[in-house]
C-alpha cells in the first residue's frame, strides 16, 4: 500500500460510518450524549478531504496530519482517542513510502498502545479498545495471508470483541455514571472499531 491507496481505504471507512450514523447515534444515546454517529461521520469525511488533496508520500507524516485533521473535525472524546491512535501509527510508519501488511499490523499495534497510554485505559473497560485490540491482534497473526483474507479475519475478531462489551461495566466517560446499568448495553465506541475493520475489508473485497 502506498499513500495514494490510503484515500480509497479511508473512503470505504467513511462510507460505512455514514451508513451506520443513525445506529451509532442510537447506541450513544443510551448512555452518552448521542453525537457519536455525527462526530465519526464528520471525522472520516475530513480525512477523505485531507487525503484527496495530500501530496505527501511519507506515510508516517500522512498519518500524523490525519490525526490533526480528525481531531479538528471530530472534537469529541472518541475523536481525540482515534487521533491518539493515528499519531501512534504515524510513529511506526515514519519514513515509509510503501507498506506491507505486517507494517499495517504493527502500526495498528502501536496506535492501540498509544491510546492505552494517553487515555489511561485498558481492555475490558467497555471502550473502542475492546474491538480494535482483537482486530489488530488477528491482523498481526495472519499477516502472511492476503490483505483481503487477513482483514476478513480481523473484522470478525473485532466484531466479536465489540459484542462482548455487552457483558462489561463502563468505567470511562458519561457511560460510567450508569454503573451496573451499563451492563447489557453494546458500547458504541467498540462498534466504531468494528466498522473501521469492516471498511478496510470492504475496500479489499472491491479490488480483489
N, C-alpha and C. Protein backbone atom coordinates (compact mmCIF):
# COMPACT_ATOMS: atom_id res chain seq x y z
N UNK A 1 0.83 -1.20 0.00
CA UNK A 1 0.00 0.00 0.00
C UNK A 1 0.87 1.25 0.00
N UNK A 2 0.52 2.21 -0.82
CA UNK A 2 1.21 3.50 -0.87
C UNK A 2 0.25 4.58 -0.38
N UNK A 3 0.77 5.79 -0.19
CA UNK A 3 -0.06 6.88 0.33
C UNK A 3 -1.26 7.16 -0.58
N UNK A 4 -1.10 6.93 -1.89
CA UNK A 4 -2.21 7.18 -2.82
C UNK A 4 -3.34 6.18 -2.63
N UNK A 5 -3.03 4.99 -2.10
CA UNK A 5 -4.07 3.98 -1.86
C UNK A 5 -4.88 4.30 -0.62
N UNK A 6 -4.28 5.06 0.27
CA UNK A 6 -4.89 5.33 1.56
C UNK A 6 -6.23 6.04 1.44
N UNK A 7 -6.34 6.94 0.49
CA UNK A 7 -7.59 7.70 0.34
C UNK A 7 -8.77 6.79 0.05
N UNK A 8 -8.57 5.75 -0.76
CA UNK A 8 -9.68 4.85 -1.09
C UNK A 8 -10.05 3.97 0.10
N UNK A 9 -9.07 3.61 0.91
CA UNK A 9 -9.36 2.84 2.12
C UNK A 9 -10.17 3.69 3.09
N UNK A 10 -9.74 4.94 3.27
CA UNK A 10 -10.44 5.83 4.20
C UNK A 10 -11.83 6.17 3.66
N UNK A 11 -11.98 6.28 2.35
CA UNK A 11 -13.31 6.49 1.76
C UNK A 11 -14.24 5.34 2.11
N UNK A 12 -13.72 4.13 2.07
CA UNK A 12 -14.52 2.95 2.39
C UNK A 12 -14.95 2.98 3.85
N UNK A 13 -14.04 3.39 4.74
CA UNK A 13 -14.40 3.52 6.16
C UNK A 13 -15.42 4.63 6.34
N UNK A 14 -15.20 5.75 5.66
CA UNK A 14 -16.12 6.88 5.76
C UNK A 14 -17.52 6.49 5.31
N UNK A 15 -17.60 5.73 4.23
CA UNK A 15 -18.90 5.29 3.71
C UNK A 15 -19.66 4.45 4.74
N UNK A 16 -18.94 3.55 5.39
CA UNK A 16 -19.62 2.67 6.34
C UNK A 16 -19.99 3.41 7.62
N UNK A 17 -19.22 4.44 7.97
CA UNK A 17 -19.61 5.28 9.11
C UNK A 17 -20.89 6.05 8.79
N UNK A 18 -20.99 6.53 7.55
CA UNK A 18 -22.20 7.25 7.13
C UNK A 18 -23.42 6.31 7.14
N UNK A 19 -23.21 5.11 6.65
CA UNK A 19 -24.31 4.13 6.61
C UNK A 19 -24.81 3.78 8.01
N UNK A 20 -23.92 3.85 8.98
CA UNK A 20 -24.27 3.48 10.35
C UNK A 20 -24.41 4.67 11.29
N UNK A 21 -24.48 5.87 10.71
CA UNK A 21 -24.52 7.08 11.53
C UNK A 21 -25.70 7.07 12.50
N UNK A 22 -26.89 6.78 12.00
CA UNK A 22 -28.08 6.78 12.86
C UNK A 22 -27.98 5.69 13.93
N UNK A 23 -27.43 4.55 13.55
CA UNK A 23 -27.27 3.44 14.50
C UNK A 23 -26.32 3.84 15.63
N UNK A 24 -25.22 4.51 15.28
CA UNK A 24 -24.25 4.95 16.29
C UNK A 24 -24.87 6.02 17.20
N UNK A 25 -25.69 6.89 16.62
CA UNK A 25 -26.39 7.90 17.43
C UNK A 25 -27.31 7.21 18.43
N UNK A 26 -28.02 6.20 17.95
CA UNK A 26 -28.96 5.45 18.79
C UNK A 26 -28.22 4.75 19.93
N UNK A 27 -27.09 4.12 19.62
CA UNK A 27 -26.31 3.43 20.65
C UNK A 27 -25.80 4.42 21.69
N UNK A 28 -25.27 5.54 21.20
CA UNK A 28 -24.67 6.53 22.09
C UNK A 28 -25.71 7.20 22.98
N UNK A 29 -26.91 7.32 22.49
CA UNK A 29 -27.98 7.98 23.24
C UNK A 29 -28.40 7.17 24.47
N UNK A 30 -28.05 5.88 24.50
CA UNK A 30 -28.44 5.04 25.63
C UNK A 30 -27.72 5.42 26.91
N UNK A 31 -26.44 5.82 26.78
CA UNK A 31 -25.72 6.22 27.99
C UNK A 31 -24.65 7.28 27.70
N UNK A 32 -24.85 8.01 26.59
CA UNK A 32 -23.93 9.09 26.25
C UNK A 32 -24.71 10.32 25.82
N UNK A 33 -24.10 11.16 25.02
CA UNK A 33 -24.81 12.38 24.60
C UNK A 33 -25.38 12.29 23.19
N UNK A 34 -25.24 11.13 22.56
CA UNK A 34 -25.92 10.88 21.29
C UNK A 34 -25.27 11.47 20.05
N UNK A 35 -24.03 11.95 20.17
CA UNK A 35 -23.41 12.59 18.99
C UNK A 35 -22.38 11.71 18.30
N UNK A 36 -22.28 10.45 18.71
CA UNK A 36 -21.23 9.58 18.19
C UNK A 36 -21.28 9.44 16.67
N UNK A 37 -22.44 9.18 16.13
CA UNK A 37 -22.57 9.00 14.69
C UNK A 37 -22.19 10.24 13.92
N UNK A 38 -22.56 11.40 14.44
CA UNK A 38 -22.24 12.67 13.77
C UNK A 38 -20.74 12.93 13.82
N UNK A 39 -20.13 12.74 14.99
CA UNK A 39 -18.71 13.03 15.12
C UNK A 39 -17.84 12.09 14.29
N UNK A 40 -18.24 10.82 14.21
CA UNK A 40 -17.46 9.88 13.40
C UNK A 40 -17.65 10.15 11.91
N UNK A 41 -18.87 10.46 11.51
CA UNK A 41 -19.12 10.81 10.11
C UNK A 41 -18.30 12.03 9.71
N UNK A 42 -18.33 13.06 10.54
CA UNK A 42 -17.57 14.28 10.25
C UNK A 42 -16.07 14.03 10.23
N UNK A 43 -15.61 13.23 11.18
CA UNK A 43 -14.18 12.97 11.28
C UNK A 43 -13.62 12.25 10.07
N UNK A 44 -14.29 11.20 9.63
CA UNK A 44 -13.78 10.43 8.49
C UNK A 44 -13.97 11.17 7.17
N UNK A 45 -15.02 11.98 7.08
CA UNK A 45 -15.16 12.82 5.88
C UNK A 45 -14.00 13.82 5.78
N UNK A 46 -13.59 14.34 6.93
CA UNK A 46 -12.47 15.28 6.95
C UNK A 46 -11.18 14.59 6.51
N UNK A 47 -11.03 13.32 6.89
CA UNK A 47 -9.84 12.57 6.47
C UNK A 47 -9.83 12.38 4.95
N UNK A 48 -10.99 12.05 4.40
CA UNK A 48 -11.09 11.88 2.94
C UNK A 48 -10.71 13.18 2.25
N UNK A 49 -11.25 14.28 2.71
CA UNK A 49 -10.96 15.59 2.11
C UNK A 49 -9.47 15.91 2.20
N UNK A 50 -8.87 15.63 3.35
CA UNK A 50 -7.44 15.87 3.51
C UNK A 50 -6.62 15.01 2.54
N UNK A 51 -6.95 13.73 2.48
CA UNK A 51 -6.17 12.80 1.66
C UNK A 51 -6.33 13.07 0.17
N UNK A 52 -7.49 13.55 -0.25
CA UNK A 52 -7.71 13.85 -1.67
C UNK A 52 -6.82 15.01 -2.14
N UNK A 53 -6.38 15.83 -1.20
CA UNK A 53 -5.52 16.96 -1.55
C UNK A 53 -4.08 16.78 -1.07
N UNK A 54 -3.79 15.62 -0.52
CA UNK A 54 -2.47 15.37 0.04
C UNK A 54 -1.42 15.10 -1.04
N UNK A 55 -0.25 15.67 -0.88
CA UNK A 55 0.87 15.45 -1.80
C UNK A 55 2.03 14.72 -1.11
N UNK A 56 1.92 14.57 0.20
CA UNK A 56 2.98 13.93 0.98
C UNK A 56 3.03 12.43 0.67
N UNK A 57 4.23 11.88 0.51
CA UNK A 57 4.37 10.45 0.21
C UNK A 57 4.87 9.64 1.41
N UNK A 58 5.42 10.32 2.42
CA UNK A 58 5.84 9.64 3.65
C UNK A 58 4.58 9.28 4.43
N UNK A 59 4.28 7.99 4.51
CA UNK A 59 3.02 7.55 5.10
C UNK A 59 2.95 7.89 6.59
N UNK A 60 4.09 7.88 7.25
CA UNK A 60 4.11 8.28 8.66
C UNK A 60 3.67 9.72 8.84
N UNK A 61 4.19 10.60 8.00
CA UNK A 61 3.82 12.02 8.06
C UNK A 61 2.35 12.21 7.71
N UNK A 62 1.87 11.41 6.78
CA UNK A 62 0.46 11.49 6.39
C UNK A 62 -0.43 11.15 7.58
N UNK A 63 -0.10 10.09 8.30
CA UNK A 63 -0.90 9.69 9.46
C UNK A 63 -0.85 10.74 10.56
N UNK A 64 0.29 11.37 10.74
CA UNK A 64 0.39 12.42 11.75
C UNK A 64 -0.56 13.57 11.41
N UNK A 65 -0.61 13.96 10.14
CA UNK A 65 -1.51 15.03 9.72
C UNK A 65 -2.97 14.57 9.78
N UNK A 66 -3.20 13.29 9.52
CA UNK A 66 -4.55 12.75 9.64
C UNK A 66 -5.07 12.88 11.07
N UNK A 67 -4.19 12.63 12.03
CA UNK A 67 -4.58 12.75 13.43
C UNK A 67 -5.06 14.14 13.76
N UNK A 68 -4.36 15.14 13.25
CA UNK A 68 -4.74 16.54 13.50
C UNK A 68 -6.06 16.87 12.81
N UNK A 69 -6.20 16.42 11.56
CA UNK A 69 -7.42 16.70 10.80
C UNK A 69 -8.63 16.06 11.45
N UNK A 70 -8.46 14.84 11.94
CA UNK A 70 -9.59 14.14 12.56
C UNK A 70 -9.99 14.81 13.86
N UNK A 71 -9.01 15.17 14.66
CA UNK A 71 -9.29 15.79 15.95
C UNK A 71 -10.01 17.12 15.78
N UNK A 72 -9.65 17.85 14.74
CA UNK A 72 -10.28 19.14 14.49
C UNK A 72 -11.73 18.99 14.04
N UNK A 73 -11.98 17.96 13.22
CA UNK A 73 -13.33 17.77 12.67
C UNK A 73 -14.24 17.00 13.61
N UNK A 74 -13.65 16.29 14.56
CA UNK A 74 -14.43 15.47 15.49
C UNK A 74 -14.03 15.77 16.93
N UNK A 75 -14.39 16.96 17.42
CA UNK A 75 -13.99 17.37 18.77
C UNK A 75 -14.82 16.66 19.85
N UNK A 76 -14.54 15.38 20.02
CA UNK A 76 -15.25 14.56 21.00
C UNK A 76 -14.24 13.66 21.67
N UNK A 77 -14.67 12.96 22.71
CA UNK A 77 -13.74 12.07 23.41
C UNK A 77 -13.21 10.97 22.49
N UNK A 78 -14.10 10.37 21.71
CA UNK A 78 -13.64 9.31 20.81
C UNK A 78 -12.83 9.88 19.65
N UNK A 79 -13.16 11.10 19.24
CA UNK A 79 -12.37 11.76 18.20
C UNK A 79 -10.94 11.94 18.66
N UNK A 80 -10.76 12.37 19.90
CA UNK A 80 -9.43 12.54 20.46
C UNK A 80 -8.71 11.21 20.59
N UNK A 81 -9.42 10.19 21.02
CA UNK A 81 -8.83 8.85 21.17
C UNK A 81 -8.35 8.31 19.83
N UNK A 82 -9.17 8.45 18.80
CA UNK A 82 -8.75 7.98 17.47
C UNK A 82 -7.57 8.80 16.94
N UNK A 83 -7.52 10.07 17.28
CA UNK A 83 -6.38 10.90 16.90
C UNK A 83 -5.10 10.39 17.57
N UNK A 84 -5.20 10.00 18.84
CA UNK A 84 -4.06 9.39 19.53
C UNK A 84 -3.59 8.16 18.77
N UNK A 85 -4.56 7.35 18.33
CA UNK A 85 -4.23 6.14 17.60
C UNK A 85 -3.49 6.42 16.30
N UNK A 86 -3.95 7.42 15.58
CA UNK A 86 -3.29 7.78 14.31
C UNK A 86 -1.88 8.30 14.54
N UNK A 87 -1.69 9.05 15.63
CA UNK A 87 -0.36 9.55 15.96
C UNK A 87 0.57 8.38 16.30
N UNK A 88 0.05 7.39 17.03
CA UNK A 88 0.83 6.21 17.34
C UNK A 88 1.18 5.42 16.10
N UNK A 89 0.24 5.31 15.18
CA UNK A 89 0.50 4.62 13.91
C UNK A 89 1.56 5.38 13.11
N UNK A 90 1.47 6.69 13.15
CA UNK A 90 2.41 7.53 12.39
C UNK A 90 3.86 7.26 12.80
N UNK A 91 4.08 7.07 14.09
CA UNK A 91 5.45 6.87 14.58
C UNK A 91 6.07 5.59 14.04
N UNK A 92 5.27 4.55 13.87
CA UNK A 92 5.83 3.30 13.37
C UNK A 92 5.91 3.25 11.84
N UNK A 93 5.27 4.23 11.18
CA UNK A 93 5.29 4.27 9.71
C UNK A 93 6.20 5.37 9.17
N UNK A 94 6.82 6.11 10.06
CA UNK A 94 7.66 7.24 9.66
C UNK A 94 8.75 6.81 8.68
N UNK A 95 8.87 7.56 7.60
CA UNK A 95 9.91 7.31 6.60
C UNK A 95 9.54 6.27 5.56
N UNK A 96 8.36 5.69 5.66
CA UNK A 96 7.94 4.65 4.71
C UNK A 96 7.05 5.24 3.61
N UNK A 97 7.38 4.95 2.37
CA UNK A 97 6.58 5.39 1.23
C UNK A 97 5.68 4.28 0.70
N UNK A 98 5.97 3.07 1.13
CA UNK A 98 5.19 1.89 0.75
C UNK A 98 5.20 0.93 1.93
N UNK A 99 4.05 0.36 2.24
CA UNK A 99 3.99 -0.54 3.39
C UNK A 99 3.32 -1.86 3.03
N UNK A 100 3.74 -2.90 3.73
CA UNK A 100 3.18 -4.23 3.57
C UNK A 100 2.18 -4.49 4.70
N UNK A 101 1.52 -5.63 4.64
CA UNK A 101 0.51 -5.96 5.63
C UNK A 101 1.10 -6.00 7.04
N UNK A 102 2.31 -6.55 7.18
CA UNK A 102 2.93 -6.61 8.51
C UNK A 102 3.18 -5.22 9.06
N UNK A 103 3.50 -4.27 8.18
CA UNK A 103 3.69 -2.88 8.63
C UNK A 103 2.39 -2.29 9.15
N UNK A 104 1.29 -2.59 8.45
CA UNK A 104 -0.02 -2.11 8.88
C UNK A 104 -0.39 -2.69 10.24
N UNK A 105 -0.13 -4.00 10.40
CA UNK A 105 -0.42 -4.67 11.67
C UNK A 105 0.38 -4.06 12.82
N UNK A 106 1.65 -3.80 12.57
CA UNK A 106 2.50 -3.20 13.61
C UNK A 106 2.06 -1.77 13.92
N UNK A 107 1.60 -1.06 12.89
CA UNK A 107 1.13 0.31 13.09
C UNK A 107 -0.14 0.31 13.95
N UNK A 108 -1.05 -0.61 13.67
CA UNK A 108 -2.25 -0.73 14.50
C UNK A 108 -1.86 -1.01 15.95
N UNK A 109 -0.92 -1.92 16.13
CA UNK A 109 -0.47 -2.29 17.47
C UNK A 109 0.09 -1.07 18.21
N UNK A 110 0.90 -0.28 17.52
CA UNK A 110 1.48 0.89 18.14
C UNK A 110 0.42 1.96 18.41
N UNK A 111 -0.54 2.08 17.50
CA UNK A 111 -1.63 3.02 17.70
C UNK A 111 -2.46 2.68 18.92
N UNK A 112 -2.73 1.41 19.10
CA UNK A 112 -3.52 0.96 20.25
C UNK A 112 -2.76 1.18 21.55
N UNK A 113 -1.46 0.92 21.53
CA UNK A 113 -0.63 1.16 22.72
C UNK A 113 -0.66 2.65 23.09
N UNK A 114 -0.60 3.50 22.08
CA UNK A 114 -0.65 4.95 22.33
C UNK A 114 -1.98 5.36 22.95
N UNK A 115 -3.06 4.77 22.46
CA UNK A 115 -4.39 5.06 23.04
C UNK A 115 -4.41 4.64 24.51
N UNK A 116 -3.93 3.44 24.78
CA UNK A 116 -3.92 2.94 26.16
C UNK A 116 -3.13 3.86 27.09
N UNK A 117 -1.97 4.29 26.61
CA UNK A 117 -1.10 5.14 27.43
C UNK A 117 -1.70 6.52 27.66
N UNK A 118 -2.16 7.15 26.59
CA UNK A 118 -2.64 8.53 26.69
C UNK A 118 -4.04 8.63 27.30
N UNK A 119 -4.87 7.63 27.07
CA UNK A 119 -6.23 7.65 27.61
C UNK A 119 -6.33 6.91 28.95
N UNK A 120 -5.20 6.35 29.38
CA UNK A 120 -5.16 5.60 30.64
C UNK A 120 -6.27 4.56 30.69
N UNK A 121 -6.32 3.74 29.65
CA UNK A 121 -7.38 2.75 29.55
C UNK A 121 -6.80 1.39 29.18
N UNK A 122 -7.59 0.36 29.40
CA UNK A 122 -7.14 -1.00 29.11
C UNK A 122 -8.32 -1.84 28.63
N UNK A 123 -8.03 -3.06 28.23
CA UNK A 123 -9.07 -3.96 27.76
C UNK A 123 -10.08 -4.25 28.88
N UNK A 124 -11.30 -4.50 28.48
CA UNK A 124 -12.34 -4.88 29.44
C UNK A 124 -13.04 -3.72 30.09
N UNK A 125 -12.77 -2.50 29.62
CA UNK A 125 -13.40 -1.32 30.21
C UNK A 125 -14.52 -0.74 29.34
N UNK A 126 -14.99 -1.55 28.41
CA UNK A 126 -16.14 -1.18 27.56
C UNK A 126 -15.84 0.05 26.72
N UNK A 127 -14.78 -0.07 25.90
CA UNK A 127 -14.39 1.04 25.02
C UNK A 127 -14.06 0.51 23.63
N UNK A 128 -13.64 1.40 22.77
CA UNK A 128 -13.23 1.04 21.41
C UNK A 128 -12.07 0.04 21.42
N UNK A 129 -11.28 0.05 22.49
CA UNK A 129 -10.15 -0.88 22.57
C UNK A 129 -10.61 -2.33 22.51
N UNK A 130 -11.81 -2.59 23.02
CA UNK A 130 -12.30 -3.97 23.08
C UNK A 130 -12.64 -4.55 21.72
N UNK A 131 -12.67 -3.73 20.70
CA UNK A 131 -12.79 -4.25 19.33
C UNK A 131 -11.49 -4.04 18.56
N UNK A 132 -10.90 -2.87 18.69
CA UNK A 132 -9.66 -2.57 17.97
C UNK A 132 -8.54 -3.54 18.30
N UNK A 133 -8.38 -3.82 19.58
CA UNK A 133 -7.27 -4.67 20.01
C UNK A 133 -7.34 -6.05 19.37
N UNK A 134 -8.50 -6.67 19.42
CA UNK A 134 -8.63 -8.04 18.90
C UNK A 134 -8.54 -8.07 17.38
N UNK A 135 -9.05 -7.03 16.74
CA UNK A 135 -8.88 -6.95 15.29
C UNK A 135 -7.41 -6.83 14.91
N UNK A 136 -6.68 -6.00 15.64
CA UNK A 136 -5.25 -5.79 15.36
C UNK A 136 -4.43 -7.04 15.65
N UNK A 137 -4.75 -7.73 16.74
CA UNK A 137 -4.04 -8.97 17.08
C UNK A 137 -4.24 -10.03 16.00
N UNK A 138 -5.47 -10.15 15.53
CA UNK A 138 -5.77 -11.12 14.48
C UNK A 138 -5.05 -10.75 13.19
N UNK A 139 -5.00 -9.46 12.90
CA UNK A 139 -4.30 -9.00 11.70
C UNK A 139 -2.82 -9.36 11.77
N UNK A 140 -2.22 -9.12 12.91
CA UNK A 140 -0.80 -9.45 13.09
C UNK A 140 -0.56 -10.95 12.95
N UNK A 141 -1.44 -11.75 13.50
CA UNK A 141 -1.27 -13.21 13.47
C UNK A 141 -1.56 -13.82 12.11
N UNK A 142 -2.15 -13.03 11.21
CA UNK A 142 -2.48 -13.53 9.87
C UNK A 142 -1.85 -12.68 8.77
N UNK A 143 -0.75 -12.02 9.09
CA UNK A 143 -0.13 -11.11 8.12
C UNK A 143 0.55 -11.85 6.97
N UNK A 144 0.58 -13.19 7.05
CA UNK A 144 1.11 -14.00 5.95
C UNK A 144 0.05 -14.24 4.87
N UNK A 145 -1.20 -13.91 5.18
CA UNK A 145 -2.29 -14.09 4.23
C UNK A 145 -2.41 -12.89 3.31
N UNK A 146 -3.32 -12.97 2.35
CA UNK A 146 -3.60 -11.80 1.52
C UNK A 146 -4.30 -10.75 2.37
N UNK A 147 -4.21 -9.46 2.00
CA UNK A 147 -4.90 -8.43 2.79
C UNK A 147 -6.40 -8.71 2.94
N UNK A 148 -7.03 -9.19 1.88
CA UNK A 148 -8.46 -9.48 1.95
C UNK A 148 -8.75 -10.54 3.00
N UNK A 149 -7.99 -11.62 2.99
CA UNK A 149 -8.21 -12.71 3.94
C UNK A 149 -7.90 -12.26 5.37
N UNK A 150 -6.79 -11.53 5.52
CA UNK A 150 -6.38 -11.08 6.85
C UNK A 150 -7.38 -10.11 7.45
N UNK A 151 -7.86 -9.16 6.65
CA UNK A 151 -8.82 -8.19 7.17
C UNK A 151 -10.20 -8.79 7.39
N UNK A 152 -10.53 -9.82 6.65
CA UNK A 152 -11.79 -10.52 6.94
C UNK A 152 -11.74 -11.13 8.33
N UNK A 153 -10.64 -11.79 8.65
CA UNK A 153 -10.48 -12.39 9.97
C UNK A 153 -10.42 -11.31 11.06
N UNK A 154 -9.72 -10.21 10.75
CA UNK A 154 -9.61 -9.12 11.73
C UNK A 154 -10.98 -8.50 12.01
N UNK A 155 -11.77 -8.33 10.96
CA UNK A 155 -13.12 -7.79 11.12
C UNK A 155 -13.97 -8.69 12.00
N UNK A 156 -13.88 -9.98 11.79
CA UNK A 156 -14.66 -10.93 12.60
C UNK A 156 -14.25 -10.87 14.06
N UNK A 157 -12.95 -10.78 14.31
CA UNK A 157 -12.46 -10.70 15.69
C UNK A 157 -12.90 -9.40 16.35
N UNK A 158 -12.83 -8.29 15.59
CA UNK A 158 -13.26 -7.00 16.12
C UNK A 158 -14.76 -7.03 16.42
N UNK A 159 -15.53 -7.70 15.58
CA UNK A 159 -16.98 -7.81 15.78
C UNK A 159 -17.28 -8.58 17.07
N UNK A 160 -16.55 -9.67 17.28
CA UNK A 160 -16.74 -10.46 18.50
C UNK A 160 -16.35 -9.64 19.73
N UNK A 161 -15.25 -8.90 19.61
CA UNK A 161 -14.82 -8.06 20.72
C UNK A 161 -15.86 -7.01 21.06
N UNK A 162 -16.44 -6.41 20.03
CA UNK A 162 -17.48 -5.41 20.24
C UNK A 162 -18.69 -6.02 20.93
N UNK A 163 -19.12 -7.17 20.45
CA UNK A 163 -20.30 -7.83 21.02
C UNK A 163 -20.08 -8.15 22.50
N UNK A 164 -18.86 -8.48 22.87
CA UNK A 164 -18.55 -8.83 24.26
C UNK A 164 -18.66 -7.64 25.21
N UNK A 165 -18.69 -6.42 24.68
CA UNK A 165 -18.81 -5.26 25.57
C UNK A 165 -20.18 -5.21 26.26
N UNK A 166 -21.13 -5.97 25.75
CA UNK A 166 -22.44 -6.03 26.42
C UNK A 166 -22.30 -6.58 27.84
N UNK A 167 -21.27 -7.40 28.06
CA UNK A 167 -21.08 -8.03 29.36
C UNK A 167 -20.24 -7.19 30.32
N UNK A 168 -19.81 -6.02 29.87
CA UNK A 168 -18.89 -5.19 30.66
C UNK A 168 -19.59 -4.00 31.30
N UNK A 169 -18.98 -3.53 32.38
CA UNK A 169 -19.44 -2.30 33.02
C UNK A 169 -18.56 -1.14 32.58
N UNK A 170 -19.17 -0.05 32.18
CA UNK A 170 -18.41 1.11 31.70
C UNK A 170 -17.66 1.77 32.86
N UNK A 171 -16.41 2.16 32.58
CA UNK A 171 -15.61 2.84 33.61
C UNK A 171 -15.07 4.18 33.12
N UNK A 172 -15.39 4.54 31.88
CA UNK A 172 -14.92 5.81 31.33
C UNK A 172 -16.09 6.64 30.82
N UNK A 173 -15.91 7.96 30.85
CA UNK A 173 -16.86 8.88 30.24
C UNK A 173 -18.23 8.88 30.90
N UNK A 174 -19.19 9.45 30.17
CA UNK A 174 -20.54 9.58 30.70
C UNK A 174 -21.19 8.23 30.98
N UNK A 175 -20.83 7.23 30.19
CA UNK A 175 -21.42 5.89 30.38
C UNK A 175 -21.10 5.34 31.77
N UNK A 176 -19.96 5.75 32.36
CA UNK A 176 -19.57 5.24 33.67
C UNK A 176 -20.53 5.69 34.77
N UNK A 177 -21.27 6.78 34.52
CA UNK A 177 -22.23 7.27 35.52
C UNK A 177 -23.34 6.25 35.76
N UNK A 178 -23.56 5.40 34.77
CA UNK A 178 -24.66 4.43 34.87
C UNK A 178 -24.27 3.18 35.66
N UNK A 179 -22.97 3.01 35.93
CA UNK A 179 -22.52 1.88 36.73
C UNK A 179 -22.98 0.54 36.18
N UNK A 180 -23.59 -0.27 37.06
CA UNK A 180 -24.04 -1.60 36.66
C UNK A 180 -25.13 -1.56 35.59
N UNK A 181 -25.82 -0.43 35.48
CA UNK A 181 -26.87 -0.32 34.47
C UNK A 181 -26.30 -0.29 33.05
N UNK A 182 -24.99 -0.07 32.94
CA UNK A 182 -24.37 -0.08 31.60
C UNK A 182 -24.15 -1.51 31.10
N UNK A 183 -24.22 -2.47 32.01
CA UNK A 183 -24.08 -3.88 31.62
C UNK A 183 -25.30 -4.29 30.79
N UNK A 184 -25.05 -4.95 29.69
CA UNK A 184 -26.13 -5.37 28.79
C UNK A 184 -26.29 -4.46 27.60
N UNK A 185 -25.59 -3.31 27.63
CA UNK A 185 -25.66 -2.35 26.53
C UNK A 185 -24.40 -2.45 25.67
N UNK A 186 -24.57 -2.51 24.38
CA UNK A 186 -23.44 -2.57 23.45
C UNK A 186 -22.74 -1.21 23.43
N UNK A 187 -21.42 -1.22 23.54
CA UNK A 187 -20.67 0.04 23.53
C UNK A 187 -20.54 0.60 22.12
N UNK A 188 -20.95 1.84 21.95
CA UNK A 188 -20.89 2.46 20.63
C UNK A 188 -19.48 2.62 20.10
N UNK A 189 -18.55 2.95 20.98
CA UNK A 189 -17.15 3.09 20.55
C UNK A 189 -16.60 1.80 20.00
N UNK A 190 -16.96 0.69 20.63
CA UNK A 190 -16.48 -0.61 20.14
C UNK A 190 -17.04 -0.91 18.76
N UNK A 191 -18.25 -0.43 18.49
CA UNK A 191 -18.85 -0.61 17.16
C UNK A 191 -18.07 0.20 16.13
N UNK A 192 -17.61 1.39 16.51
CA UNK A 192 -16.78 2.19 15.61
C UNK A 192 -15.51 1.42 15.26
N UNK A 193 -14.89 0.78 16.25
CA UNK A 193 -13.69 -0.03 15.99
C UNK A 193 -13.97 -1.15 15.02
N UNK A 194 -15.10 -1.81 15.21
CA UNK A 194 -15.51 -2.89 14.30
C UNK A 194 -15.71 -2.35 12.89
N UNK A 195 -16.36 -1.19 12.78
CA UNK A 195 -16.64 -0.61 11.47
C UNK A 195 -15.37 -0.19 10.74
N UNK A 196 -14.35 0.21 11.47
CA UNK A 196 -13.07 0.55 10.84
C UNK A 196 -12.51 -0.66 10.12
N UNK A 197 -12.51 -1.80 10.79
CA UNK A 197 -12.01 -3.02 10.15
C UNK A 197 -12.93 -3.48 9.03
N UNK A 198 -14.22 -3.31 9.20
CA UNK A 198 -15.17 -3.69 8.15
C UNK A 198 -14.96 -2.82 6.91
N UNK A 199 -14.73 -1.53 7.12
CA UNK A 199 -14.50 -0.63 5.99
C UNK A 199 -13.26 -1.00 5.20
N UNK A 200 -12.20 -1.36 5.92
CA UNK A 200 -10.95 -1.77 5.24
C UNK A 200 -11.18 -3.08 4.49
N UNK A 201 -11.87 -4.02 5.12
CA UNK A 201 -12.18 -5.28 4.46
C UNK A 201 -13.01 -5.06 3.21
N UNK A 202 -13.98 -4.16 3.27
CA UNK A 202 -14.82 -3.87 2.10
C UNK A 202 -13.98 -3.34 0.94
N UNK A 203 -12.98 -2.53 1.27
CA UNK A 203 -12.08 -2.00 0.23
C UNK A 203 -11.38 -3.14 -0.49
N UNK A 204 -10.85 -4.08 0.27
CA UNK A 204 -10.11 -5.19 -0.35
C UNK A 204 -11.02 -6.14 -1.11
N UNK A 205 -12.29 -6.23 -0.71
CA UNK A 205 -13.26 -7.00 -1.49
C UNK A 205 -13.42 -6.39 -2.88
N UNK A 206 -13.53 -5.07 -2.92
CA UNK A 206 -13.76 -4.35 -4.18
C UNK A 206 -12.61 -4.48 -5.16
N UNK A 207 -11.39 -4.52 -4.64
CA UNK A 207 -10.23 -4.52 -5.55
C UNK A 207 -9.74 -5.93 -5.86
N UNK A 208 -10.35 -6.93 -5.22
CA UNK A 208 -9.88 -8.30 -5.44
C UNK A 208 -10.52 -8.91 -6.68
